[in-house]
């Protein structure tokens, strides 16, 4: 029953305020999520996230099979970090930290995801490599989208 960890860091050439504004708006998740996942937010979401916000999604990660996913924004420190945690969905455990830091030339954004697959050893044996590639692919796609959006 392994807890997996993925860390992704990117520096984008925008102000801390602009980066925070973009990522603190739940509807913008659609823009940075790979199209093949058919990601759709099901719940009404506000213009700005807040601690305790529950967001429902539908995602199709494997063979077009739809999965229901519910996350909660559990921690927020304005323009510094926020955390989303799965409440219901495809993982046995999901904890995702989004960290923002002003640096020379822009904002360093670091994502740290800890996740555990369902079914313990069997889940890791049959899905570990595949899920790791899926999660890495989401961040690779996001980097590509941000490079296009901010021209760097």
Foldseek 3Di string as FASTA:
>chain_A
DDKDKDKDKDFFQDALVVVLQQVQQVVNLVLLFDVVQVKDWDDDDDRGDDAQDKTWIWTQQPPRDIKIWIWGFHDDDRSAKTWIWTPDIQFPTWIKIWGWDADVRGIMIMIMIITHGPPPPVCCVPPVVVVVVNVVVSVVSNVVSSCVVRVD
